[in-house]
Amino acid sequence: MEILIQQLVNSLSVASVTILIGMGITLIFGLAGIVNFAHGEFLMIGGIATWFFVGLGLNFFAAVVLAMGVVGALGFVAERGLFRFTLDRPMNGFIMSIGISVILQHVVIRIFNEFQKSIPDPVGAVWVVGGVHIMAMRAVVVAITAVVVAITYFGISRSRYGMALRASVSDQSTAELMGVPVRRYVTGVFVYGSILAGLGGALMVALFPITPFVGSVVITRGFVVSLMGGLGNVYGAVVAGLVLGLVDGLSAGYGYPEWTDAYSLIIMIVILIVRPQGLLSGTLGPKAS
């Protein structure tokens, strides 16, 4: 029993990072209608930036904030300079994002010249509860993710910005007639989703070493989470992320760990066959002009 609990506790922190990247994708794809396959590389940039700032002697949490700013700025440039020209042709944007993904990987390799990056445990404490060892940093990751999920949910469901955004998704023409700046809202969603990717990368590098190619690994899980939960549905991304975390824990302890991604994809396929709209249903965002 202790082994099972240990695996599930460890998986919860990994699930938290998956939830962050899944939320970013579900907001960008579900509410802005942009398919950004380079979202995983945004996470990687967040991790690399955190490693860089920590290496300069900054406190880890200050480095996280700066890394989020770096990735947010990258997202703004990408959306305003590139994706805005593909909003009416999502497939063009998807193909372009694959190119961006490869370019970012090679730029990072060229600049930093090392394959693997890691930082010391920022907290450096381990709690023992009933024979189960819990790294304090894993608990911090879970707590930060919970706060971000709550802020995002209330921002989308309760704030004036969120209500206007949902109105533009439901009926773009009417929203524009009511004075909703759909174009700026799409940019805002894209930047916020990018910031979430940066946060995910910053927290990931505190748990595991990362490489310039980590984005290619996590992007699949991010899309699985967003599709399973329902595009544009924050709670759906959380539920789907926790499901994948449970799969991770059980497969690592009792199955074949190398099959973890396959298990996740099988679950996604079954869910999309039974419920094409996702577990909690979703939507597809406006094509702002």
C-alpha atoms as a PDB file:
ATOM      1  CA  MET A   1       0.000   0.000   0.000  1.00  0.00           C
ATOM      2  CA  GLU A   2       2.849   2.392   0.821  1.00  0.00           C
ATOM      3  CA  ILE A   3       4.304   1.838  -2.659  1.00  0.00           C
ATOM      4  CA  LEU A   4       0.952   2.685  -4.277  1.00  0.00           C
ATOM      5  CA  ILE A   5       0.551   5.868  -2.200  1.00  0.00           C
ATOM      6  CA  GLN A   6       4.170   6.859  -2.950  1.00  0.00           C
ATOM      7  CA  GLN A   7       3.614   6.464  -6.687  1.00  0.00           C
ATOM      8  CA  LEU A   8       0.381   8.452  -6.586  1.00  0.00           C
ATOM      9  CA  VAL A   9       1.960  11.256  -4.528  1.00  0.00           C
ATOM     10  CA  ASN A  10       4.860  11.521  -6.978  1.00  0.00           C
ATOM     11  CA  SER A  11       2.488  11.469  -9.926  1.00  0.00           C
ATOM     12  CA  LEU A  12       0.449  14.346  -8.522  1.00  0.00           C
ATOM     13  CA  SER A  13       3.292  16.816  -9.043  1.00  0.00           C
ATOM     14  CA  VAL A  14       3.847  15.559 -12.595  1.00  0.00           C
ATOM     15  CA  ALA A  15       0.110  15.832 -13.190  1.00  0.00           C
ATOM     16  CA  SER A  16       0.277  19.457 -11.994  1.00  0.00           C
ATOM     17  CA  VAL A  17       2.766  20.366 -14.735  1.00  0.00           C
ATOM     18  CA  THR A  18       0.620  18.471 -17.254  1.00  0.00           C
ATOM     19  CA  ILE A  19      -2.427  20.434 -16.084  1.00  0.00           C
ATOM     20  CA  LEU A  20      -0.624  23.731 -16.633  1.00  0.00           C
ATOM     21  CA  ILE A  21       0.384  22.939 -20.208  1.00  0.00           C
ATOM     22  CA  GLY A  22      -3.042  21.381 -20.880  1.00  0.00           C
ATOM     23  CA  MET A  23      -4.786  24.523 -19.612  1.00  0.00           C
ATOM     24  CA  GLY A  24      -2.642  26.683 -21.853  1.00  0.00           C
ATOM     25  CA  ILE A  25      -3.493  24.578 -24.892  1.00  0.00           C
ATOM     26  CA  THR A  26      -7.185  24.328 -24.050  1.00  0.00           C
ATOM     27  CA  LEU A  27      -7.434  28.123 -23.722  1.00  0.00           C
ATOM     28  CA  ILE A  28      -5.421  28.913 -26.869  1.00  0.00           C
ATOM     29  CA  PHE A  29      -7.023  26.197 -29.000  1.00  0.00           C
ATOM     30  CA  GLY A  30     -10.490  26.205 -27.446  1.00  0.00           C
ATOM     31  CA  LEU A  31     -11.036  29.939 -26.964  1.00  0.00           C
ATOM     32  CA  ALA A  32      -8.693  31.561 -29.482  1.00  0.00           C
ATOM     33  CA  GLY A  33      -8.964  28.868 -32.175  1.00  0.00           C
ATOM     34  CA  ILE A  34      -5.163  28.657 -32.662  1.00  0.00           C
ATOM     35  CA  VAL A  35      -3.353  25.315 -32.901  1.00  0.00           C
ATOM     36  CA  ASN A  36       0.105  26.013 -31.496  1.00  0.00           C
ATOM     37  CA  PHE A  37       2.219  22.874 -31.728  1.00  0.00           C
ATOM     38  CA  ALA A  38       5.193  24.916 -30.438  1.00  0.00           C
ATOM     39  CA  HIS A  39       3.487  25.235 -27.041  1.00  0.00           C
ATOM     40  CA  GLY A  40       5.775  22.501 -25.723  1.00  0.00           C
ATOM     41  CA  GLU A  41       8.798  24.545 -26.740  1.00  0.00           C
ATOM     42  CA  PHE A  42       7.364  27.495 -24.810  1.00  0.00           C
ATOM     43  CA  LEU A  43       7.412  25.226 -21.749  1.00  0.00           C
ATOM     44  CA  MET A  44      11.004  24.276 -22.551  1.00  0.00           C
ATOM     45  CA  ILE A  45      11.982  27.963 -22.835  1.00  0.00           C
ATOM     46  CA  GLY A  46      10.398  28.571 -19.418  1.00  0.00           C
ATOM     47  CA  GLY A  47      12.527  25.819 -17.911  1.00  0.00           C
ATOM     48  CA  ILE A  48      15.721  26.983 -19.618  1.00  0.00           C
ATOM     49  CA  ALA A  49      15.080  30.599 -18.588  1.00  0.00           C
ATOM     50  CA  THR A  50      14.546  29.525 -14.970  1.00  0.00           C
ATOM     51  CA  TRP A  51      17.805  27.549 -15.041  1.00  0.00           C
ATOM     52  CA  PHE A  52      19.582  30.586 -16.504  1.00  0.00           C
ATOM     53  CA  PHE A  53      18.261  33.055 -13.932  1.00  0.00           C
ATOM     54  CA  VAL A  54      18.979  30.688 -11.032  1.00  0.00           C
ATOM     55  CA  GLY A  55      22.500  30.319 -12.418  1.00  0.00           C
ATOM     56  CA  LEU A  56      22.863  34.088 -12.178  1.00  0.00           C
ATOM     57  CA  GLY A  57      22.198  33.810  -8.447  1.00  0.00           C
ATOM     58  CA  LEU A  58      18.505  34.793  -8.357  1.00  0.00           C
ATOM     59  CA  ASN A  59      16.065  33.238  -5.920  1.00  0.00           C
ATOM     60  CA  PHE A  60      14.131  30.383  -7.566  1.00  0.00           C
ATOM     61  CA  PHE A  61      10.727  32.022  -7.236  1.00  0.00           C
ATOM     62  CA  ALA A  62      12.027  35.311  -8.645  1.00  0.00           C
ATOM     63  CA  ALA A  63      13.487  33.295 -11.524  1.00  0.00           C
ATOM     64  CA  VAL A  64      10.080  31.691 -12.099  1.00  0.00           C
ATOM     65  CA  VAL A  65       8.402  35.090 -12.401  1.00  0.00           C
ATOM     66  CA  LEU A  66      11.042  36.305 -14.862  1.00  0.00           C
ATOM     67  CA  ALA A  67      10.775  33.100 -16.886  1.00  0.00           C
ATOM     68  CA  MET A  68       6.998  33.545 -17.123  1.00  0.00           C
ATOM     69  CA  GLY A  69       7.601  37.081 -18.395  1.00  0.00           C
ATOM     70  CA  VAL A  70      10.070  35.844 -21.013  1.00  0.00           C
ATOM     71  CA  VAL A  71       7.662  33.221 -22.327  1.00  0.00           C
ATOM     72  CA  GLY A  72       4.742  35.645 -22.190  1.00  0.00           C
ATOM     73  CA  ALA A  73       6.721  38.098 -24.336  1.00  0.00           C
ATOM     74  CA  LEU A  74       7.593  35.271 -26.724  1.00  0.00           C
ATOM     75  CA  GLY A  75       3.913  34.385 -26.953  1.00  0.00           C
ATOM     76  CA  PHE A  76       2.983  38.004 -27.698  1.00  0.00           C
ATOM     77  CA  VAL A  77       5.553  38.231 -30.496  1.00  0.00           C
ATOM     78  CA  ALA A  78       4.486  34.866 -31.945  1.00  0.00           C
ATOM     79  CA  GLU A  79       0.787  35.727 -31.945  1.00  0.00           C
ATOM     80  CA  ARG A  80       1.092  39.295 -33.233  1.00  0.00           C
ATOM     81  CA  GLY A  81       3.859  38.618 -35.711  1.00  0.00           C
ATOM     82  CA  LEU A  82       2.915  35.161 -37.000  1.00  0.00           C
ATOM     83  CA  PHE A  83      -0.319  33.486 -35.909  1.00  0.00           C
ATOM     84  CA  ARG A  84      -2.526  36.528 -36.518  1.00  0.00           C
ATOM     85  CA  PHE A  85      -2.010  35.982 -40.259  1.00  0.00           C
ATOM     86  CA  THR A  86      -3.286  32.386 -40.090  1.00  0.00           C
ATOM     87  CA  LEU A  87      -6.479  32.797 -38.052  1.00  0.00           C
ATOM     88  CA  ASP A  88      -8.664  32.147 -41.102  1.00  0.00           C
ATOM     89  CA  ARG A  89      -6.528  29.136 -42.077  1.00  0.00           C
ATOM     90  CA  PRO A  90      -5.854  27.130 -38.887  1.00  0.00           C
ATOM     91  CA  MET A  91      -4.017  24.405 -40.797  1.00  0.00           C
ATOM     92  CA  ASN A  92      -1.473  26.960 -42.005  1.00  0.00           C
ATOM     93  CA  GLY A  93      -0.951  28.040 -38.415  1.00  0.00           C
ATOM     94  CA  PHE A  94      -0.518  24.441 -37.322  1.00  0.00           C
ATOM     95  CA  ILE A  95       2.157  23.770 -39.960  1.00  0.00           C
ATOM     96  CA  MET A  96       3.865  27.054 -39.079  1.00  0.00           C
ATOM     97  CA  SER A  97       3.903  26.133 -35.396  1.00  0.00           C
ATOM     98  CA  ILE A  98       5.765  22.915 -36.202  1.00  0.00           C
ATOM     99  CA  GLY A  99       8.428  25.035 -37.900  1.00  0.00           C
ATOM    100  CA  ILE A 100       8.580  27.344 -34.866  1.00  0.00           C
ATOM    101  CA  SER A 101       9.015  24.294 -32.651  1.00  0.00           C
ATOM    102  CA  VAL A 102      12.049  23.041 -34.574  1.00  0.00           C
ATOM    103  CA  ILE A 103      13.581  26.532 -34.779  1.00  0.00           C
ATOM    104  CA  LEU A 104      13.277  27.104 -31.018  1.00  0.00           C
ATOM    105  CA  GLN A 105      14.881  23.740 -30.279  1.00  0.00           C
ATOM    106  CA  HIS A 106      17.892  24.529 -32.439  1.00  0.00           C
ATOM    107  CA  VAL A 107      18.223  28.096 -31.166  1.00  0.00           C
ATOM    108  CA  VAL A 108      18.393  26.839 -27.569  1.00  0.00           C
ATOM    109  CA  ILE A 109      20.977  24.197 -28.508  1.00  0.00           C
ATOM    110  CA  ARG A 110      23.032  26.796 -30.372  1.00  0.00           C
ATOM    111  CA  ILE A 111      23.002  29.318 -27.513  1.00  0.00           C
ATOM    112  CA  PHE A 112      23.489  27.068 -24.479  1.00  0.00           C
ATOM    113  CA  ASN A 113      25.460  24.238 -26.102  1.00  0.00           C
ATOM    114  CA  GLU A 114      24.596  21.736 -23.371  1.00  0.00           C
ATOM    115  CA  PHE A 115      22.085  18.968 -23.692  1.00  0.00           C
ATOM    116  CA  GLN A 116      20.622  18.691 -20.198  1.00  0.00           C
ATOM    117  CA  LYS A 117      19.782  21.381 -17.629  1.00  0.00           C
ATOM    118  CA  SER A 118      18.877  21.024 -13.963  1.00  0.00           C
ATOM    119  CA  ILE A 119      18.854  23.097 -10.798  1.00  0.00           C
ATOM    120  CA  PRO A 120      19.249  22.180  -7.114  1.00  0.00           C
ATOM    121  CA  ASP A 121      16.054  21.462  -5.211  1.00  0.00           C
ATOM    122  CA  PRO A 122      14.807  24.994  -4.375  1.00  0.00           C
ATOM    123  CA  VAL A 123      13.222  23.849  -1.099  1.00  0.00           C
ATOM    124  CA  GLY A 124      15.460  20.928  -0.166  1.00  0.00           C
ATOM    125  CA  ALA A 125      13.156  19.297   2.373  1.00  0.00           C
ATOM    126  CA  VAL A 126      11.512  15.887   2.515  1.00  0.00           C
ATOM    127  CA  TRP A 127       8.479  15.071   4.632  1.00  0.00           C
ATOM    128  CA  VAL A 128       7.812  11.533   5.870  1.00  0.00           C
ATOM    129  CA  VAL A 129       4.140  10.775   6.453  1.00  0.00           C
ATOM    130  CA  GLY A 130       3.236   7.239   7.391  1.00  0.00           C
ATOM    131  CA  GLY A 131       6.236   5.798   5.598  1.00  0.00           C
ATOM    132  CA  VAL A 132       5.589   7.881   2.470  1.00  0.00           C
ATOM    133  CA  HIS A 133       8.375  10.298   1.482  1.00  0.00           C
ATOM    134  CA  ILE A 134       7.118  13.597   0.076  1.00  0.00           C
ATOM    135  CA  MET A 135       9.521  16.121  -1.422  1.00  0.00           C
ATOM    136  CA  ALA A 136       8.461  19.558  -0.225  1.00  0.00           C
ATOM    137  CA  MET A 137       9.078  20.948  -3.716  1.00  0.00           C
ATOM    138  CA  ARG A 138       6.482  18.553  -5.141  1.00  0.00           C
ATOM    139  CA  ALA A 139       3.961  19.919  -2.651  1.00  0.00           C
ATOM    140  CA  VAL A 140       4.889  23.473  -3.689  1.00  0.00           C
ATOM    141  CA  VAL A 141       4.290  22.579  -7.346  1.00  0.00           C
ATOM    142  CA  VAL A 142       0.846  21.177  -6.519  1.00  0.00           C
ATOM    143  CA  ALA A 143      -0.043  24.234  -4.418  1.00  0.00           C
ATOM    144  CA  ILE A 144       1.039  26.708  -7.116  1.00  0.00           C
ATOM    145  CA  THR A 145      -0.932  24.793  -9.725  1.00  0.00           C
ATOM    146  CA  ALA A 146      -4.057  24.814  -7.537  1.00  0.00           C
ATOM    147  CA  VAL A 147      -3.823  28.590  -7.104  1.00  0.00           C
ATOM    148  CA  VAL A 148      -3.317  29.156 -10.846  1.00  0.00           C
ATOM    149  CA  VAL A 149      -6.263  26.883 -11.676  1.00  0.00           C
ATOM    150  CA  ALA A 150      -8.517  28.832  -9.288  1.00  0.00           C
ATOM    151  CA  ILE A 151      -7.415  32.201 -10.698  1.00  0.00           C
ATOM    152  CA  THR A 152      -7.898  31.006 -14.270  1.00  0.00           C
ATOM    153  CA  TYR A 153     -11.312  29.500 -13.583  1.00  0.00           C
ATOM    154  CA  PHE A 154     -12.683  32.594 -11.892  1.00  0.00           C
ATOM    155  CA  GLY A 155     -11.085  34.806 -14.529  1.00  0.00           C
ATOM    156  CA  ILE A 156     -12.837  32.925 -17.315  1.00  0.00           C
ATOM    157  CA  SER A 157     -16.173  32.322 -15.574  1.00  0.00           C
ATOM    158  CA  ARG A 158     -16.700  35.379 -13.360  1.00  0.00           C
ATOM    159  CA  SER A 159     -14.717  38.380 -14.607  1.00  0.00           C
ATOM    160  CA  ARG A 160     -15.957  40.861 -17.213  1.00  0.00           C
ATOM    161  CA  TYR A 161     -13.029  39.879 -19.424  1.00  0.00           C
ATOM    162  CA  GLY A 162     -14.006  36.218 -19.192  1.00  0.00           C
ATOM    163  CA  MET A 163     -17.673  36.888 -19.919  1.00  0.00           C
ATOM    164  CA  ALA A 164     -16.773  39.019 -22.944  1.00  0.00           C
ATOM    165  CA  LEU A 165     -14.391  36.315 -24.140  1.00  0.00           C
ATOM    166  CA  ARG A 166     -17.034  33.618 -23.845  1.00  0.00           C
ATOM    167  CA  ALA A 167     -19.501  35.867 -25.653  1.00  0.00           C
ATOM    168  CA  SER A 168     -17.050  36.264 -28.544  1.00  0.00           C
ATOM    169  CA  VAL A 169     -16.706  32.480 -28.719  1.00  0.00           C
ATOM    170  CA  SER A 170     -20.478  32.012 -28.834  1.00  0.00           C
ATOM    171  CA  ASP A 171     -21.174  34.721 -31.429  1.00  0.00           C
ATOM    172  CA  GLN A 172     -18.245  36.748 -32.706  1.00  0.00           C
ATOM    173  CA  SER A 173     -20.288  39.134 -34.880  1.00  0.00           C
ATOM    174  CA  THR A 174     -22.670  40.078 -32.078  1.00  0.00           C
ATOM    175  CA  ALA A 175     -19.778  40.482 -29.637  1.00  0.00           C
ATOM    176  CA  GLU A 176     -18.024  42.862 -32.042  1.00  0.00           C
ATOM    177  CA  LEU A 177     -21.237  44.874 -32.454  1.00  0.00           C
ATOM    178  CA  MET A 178     -21.420  45.148 -28.657  1.00  0.00           C
ATOM    179  CA  GLY A 179     -17.914  46.627 -28.639  1.00  0.00           C
ATOM    180  CA  VAL A 180     -15.908  43.555 -27.605  1.00  0.00           C
ATOM    181  CA  PRO A 181     -12.350  43.850 -29.016  1.00  0.00           C
ATOM    182  CA  VAL A 182     -12.139  40.222 -30.190  1.00  0.00           C
ATOM    183  CA  ARG A 183      -8.733  40.753 -31.786  1.00  0.00           C
ATOM    184  CA  ARG A 184      -7.176  41.916 -28.513  1.00  0.00           C
ATOM    185  CA  TYR A 185      -8.924  39.163 -26.555  1.00  0.00           C
ATOM    186  CA  VAL A 186      -7.418  36.496 -28.801  1.00  0.00           C
ATOM    187  CA  THR A 187      -3.983  38.007 -28.214  1.00  0.00           C
ATOM    188  CA  GLY A 188      -4.602  38.101 -24.465  1.00  0.00           C
ATOM    189  CA  VAL A 189      -5.632  34.443 -24.350  1.00  0.00           C
ATOM    190  CA  PHE A 190      -2.590  33.419 -26.378  1.00  0.00           C
ATOM    191  CA  VAL A 191      -0.211  35.346 -24.120  1.00  0.00           C
ATOM    192  CA  TYR A 192      -1.813  33.972 -20.955  1.00  0.00           C
ATOM    193  CA  GLY A 193      -1.649  30.422 -22.271  1.00  0.00           C
ATOM    194  CA  SER A 194       2.021  30.985 -23.103  1.00  0.00           C
ATOM    195  CA  ILE A 195       2.666  32.246 -19.552  1.00  0.00           C
ATOM    196  CA  LEU A 196       1.123  29.037 -18.204  1.00  0.00           C
ATOM    197  CA  ALA A 197       3.526  27.040 -20.389  1.00  0.00           C
ATOM    198  CA  GLY A 198       6.422  29.095 -19.014  1.00  0.00           C
ATOM    199  CA  LEU A 199       5.274  28.396 -15.461  1.00  0.00           C
ATOM    200  CA  GLY A 200       4.999  24.688 -16.247  1.00  0.00           C
ATOM    201  CA  GLY A 201       8.568  24.629 -17.554  1.00  0.00           C
ATOM    202  CA  ALA A 202       9.857  26.576 -14.548  1.00  0.00           C
ATOM    203  CA  LEU A 203       8.275  24.093 -12.146  1.00  0.00           C
ATOM    204  CA  MET A 204       9.376  21.109 -14.213  1.00  0.00           C
ATOM    205  CA  VAL A 205      13.068  22.046 -14.091  1.00  0.00           C
ATOM    206  CA  ALA A 206      12.772  22.131 -10.288  1.00  0.00           C
ATOM    207  CA  LEU A 207      11.720  18.466 -10.367  1.00  0.00           C
ATOM    208  CA  PHE A 208      13.601  16.916 -13.285  1.00  0.00           C
ATOM    209  CA  PRO A 209      16.440  17.715 -15.670  1.00  0.00           C
ATOM    210  CA  ILE A 210      15.141  19.056 -18.989  1.00  0.00           C
ATOM    211  CA  THR A 211      16.535  19.029 -22.507  1.00  0.00           C
ATOM    212  CA  PRO A 212      15.843  21.189 -25.579  1.00  0.00           C
ATOM    213  CA  PHE A 213      13.573  18.384 -26.791  1.00  0.00           C
ATOM    214  CA  VAL A 214      11.356  18.075 -23.717  1.00  0.00           C
ATOM    215  CA  GLY A 215       8.659  20.095 -25.489  1.00  0.00           C
ATOM    216  CA  SER A 216       8.204  17.356 -28.077  1.00  0.00           C
ATOM    217  CA  VAL A 217       7.413  14.947 -25.243  1.00  0.00           C
ATOM    218  CA  VAL A 218       4.995  17.080 -23.236  1.00  0.00           C
ATOM    219  CA  ILE A 219       3.078  18.582 -26.174  1.00  0.00           C
ATOM    220  CA  THR A 220       1.343  15.272 -26.874  1.00  0.00           C
ATOM    221  CA  ARG A 221       0.204  14.999 -23.276  1.00  0.00           C
ATOM    222  CA  GLY A 222      -0.926  18.618 -23.359  1.00  0.00           C
ATOM    223  CA  PHE A 223      -3.188  18.029 -26.345  1.00  0.00           C
ATOM    224  CA  VAL A 224      -4.453  14.790 -24.787  1.00  0.00           C
ATOM    225  CA  VAL A 225      -5.443  16.729 -21.656  1.00  0.00           C
ATOM    226  CA  SER A 226      -7.128  19.538 -23.588  1.00  0.00           C
ATOM    227  CA  LEU A 227      -9.101  17.170 -25.840  1.00  0.00           C
ATOM    228  CA  MET A 228     -10.055  14.786 -23.043  1.00  0.00           C
ATOM    229  CA  GLY A 229     -11.286  17.577 -20.795  1.00  0.00           C
ATOM    230  CA  GLY A 230     -13.006  19.621 -23.513  1.00  0.00           C
ATOM    231  CA  LEU A 231     -11.471  22.524 -25.401  1.00  0.00           C
ATOM    232  CA  GLY A 232     -11.804  25.790 -23.518  1.00  0.00           C
ATOM    233  CA  ASN A 233     -12.846  24.054 -20.276  1.00  0.00           C
ATOM    234  CA  VAL A 234     -10.433  24.757 -17.409  1.00  0.00           C
ATOM    235  CA  TYR A 235     -11.990  22.219 -15.053  1.00  0.00           C
ATOM    236  CA  GLY A 236     -11.910  19.663 -17.856  1.00  0.00           C
ATOM    237  CA  ALA A 237      -8.146  20.157 -18.197  1.00  0.00           C
ATOM    238  CA  VAL A 238      -7.746  19.633 -14.449  1.00  0.00           C
ATOM    239  CA  VAL A 239      -9.806  16.427 -14.448  1.00  0.00           C
ATOM    240  CA  ALA A 240      -8.003  15.052 -17.504  1.00  0.00           C
ATOM    241  CA  GLY A 241      -4.609  15.974 -16.039  1.00  0.00           C
ATOM    242  CA  LEU A 242      -5.420  14.127 -12.812  1.00  0.00           C
ATOM    243  CA  VAL A 243      -6.553  11.086 -14.811  1.00  0.00           C
ATOM    244  CA  LEU A 244      -3.245  11.029 -16.678  1.00  0.00           C
ATOM    245  CA  GLY A 245      -1.403  11.458 -13.371  1.00  0.00           C
ATOM    246  CA  LEU A 246      -3.215   8.431 -11.998  1.00  0.00           C
ATOM    247  CA  VAL A 247      -2.267   6.474 -15.117  1.00  0.00           C
ATOM    248  CA  ASP A 248       1.369   7.540 -14.649  1.00  0.00           C
ATOM    249  CA  GLY A 249       1.419   6.374 -11.050  1.00  0.00           C
ATOM    250  CA  LEU A 250      -0.216   3.027 -11.686  1.00  0.00           C
ATOM    251  CA  SER A 251       1.832   2.241 -14.797  1.00  0.00           C
ATOM    252  CA  ALA A 252       5.108   3.132 -13.048  1.00  0.00           C
ATOM    253  CA  GLY A 253       4.377   0.921 -10.063  1.00  0.00           C
ATOM    254  CA  TYR A 254       2.324  -1.912 -11.504  1.00  0.00           C
ATOM    255  CA  GLY A 255       2.547  -1.847 -15.279  1.00  0.00           C
ATOM    256  CA  TYR A 256       5.007  -0.985 -18.021  1.00  0.00           C
ATOM    257  CA  PRO A 257       6.314   2.589 -17.559  1.00  0.00           C
ATOM    258  CA  GLU A 258       7.474   2.776 -21.181  1.00  0.00           C
ATOM    259  CA  TRP A 259       3.833   2.351 -22.222  1.00  0.00           C
ATOM    260  CA  THR A 260       2.593   5.357 -20.224  1.00  0.00           C
ATOM    261  CA  ASP A 261       2.027   7.581 -23.269  1.00  0.00           C
ATOM    262  CA  ALA A 262       0.300   4.738 -25.090  1.00  0.00           C
ATOM    263  CA  TYR A 263      -2.082   4.251 -22.149  1.00  0.00           C
ATOM    264  CA  SER A 264      -2.875   7.980 -22.190  1.00  0.00           C
ATOM    265  CA  LEU A 265      -3.598   7.990 -25.913  1.00  0.00           C
ATOM    266  CA  ILE A 266      -5.821   4.902 -25.632  1.00  0.00           C
ATOM    267  CA  ILE A 267      -7.848   6.605 -22.897  1.00  0.00           C
ATOM    268  CA  MET A 268      -8.149   9.757 -25.033  1.00  0.00           C
ATOM    269  CA  ILE A 269      -9.334   7.779 -28.070  1.00  0.00           C
ATOM    270  CA  VAL A 270     -11.977   5.946 -26.041  1.00  0.00           C
ATOM    271  CA  ILE A 271     -13.239   9.172 -24.436  1.00  0.00           C
ATOM    272  CA  LEU A 272     -13.429  11.014 -27.771  1.00  0.00           C
ATOM    273  CA  ILE A 273     -15.378   8.132 -29.314  1.00  0.00           C
ATOM    274  CA  VAL A 274     -17.865   8.069 -26.432  1.00  0.00           C
ATOM    275  CA  ARG A 275     -17.903  11.844 -25.804  1.00  0.00           C
ATOM    276  CA  PRO A 276     -16.529  13.774 -28.812  1.00  0.00           C
ATOM    277  CA  GLN A 277     -16.899  17.048 -26.886  1.00  0.00           C
ATOM    278  CA  GLY A 278     -14.642  15.802 -24.064  1.00  0.00           C
ATOM    279  CA  LEU A 279     -15.370  14.797 -20.491  1.00  0.00           C
ATOM    280  CA  LEU A 280     -16.834  18.170 -19.485  1.00  0.00           C
ATOM    281  CA  SER A 281     -17.561  19.475 -23.007  1.00  0.00           C
ATOM    282  CA  GLY A 282     -15.834  22.382 -24.684  1.00  0.00           C
ATOM    283  CA  THR A 283     -15.890  24.770 -27.592  1.00  0.00           C
ATOM    284  CA  LEU A 284     -13.752  26.152 -30.388  1.00  0.00           C
ATOM    285  CA  GLY A 285     -12.851  29.822 -30.335  1.00  0.00           C
ATOM    286  CA  PRO A 286     -13.494  32.660 -32.766  1.00  0.00           C
ATOM    287  CA  LYS A 287     -11.488  33.391 -35.874  1.00  0.00           C
ATOM    288  CA  ALA A 288     -10.776  37.018 -35.117  1.00  0.00           C
ATOM    289  CA  SER A 289      -9.924  39.232 -38.043  1.00  0.00           C
END
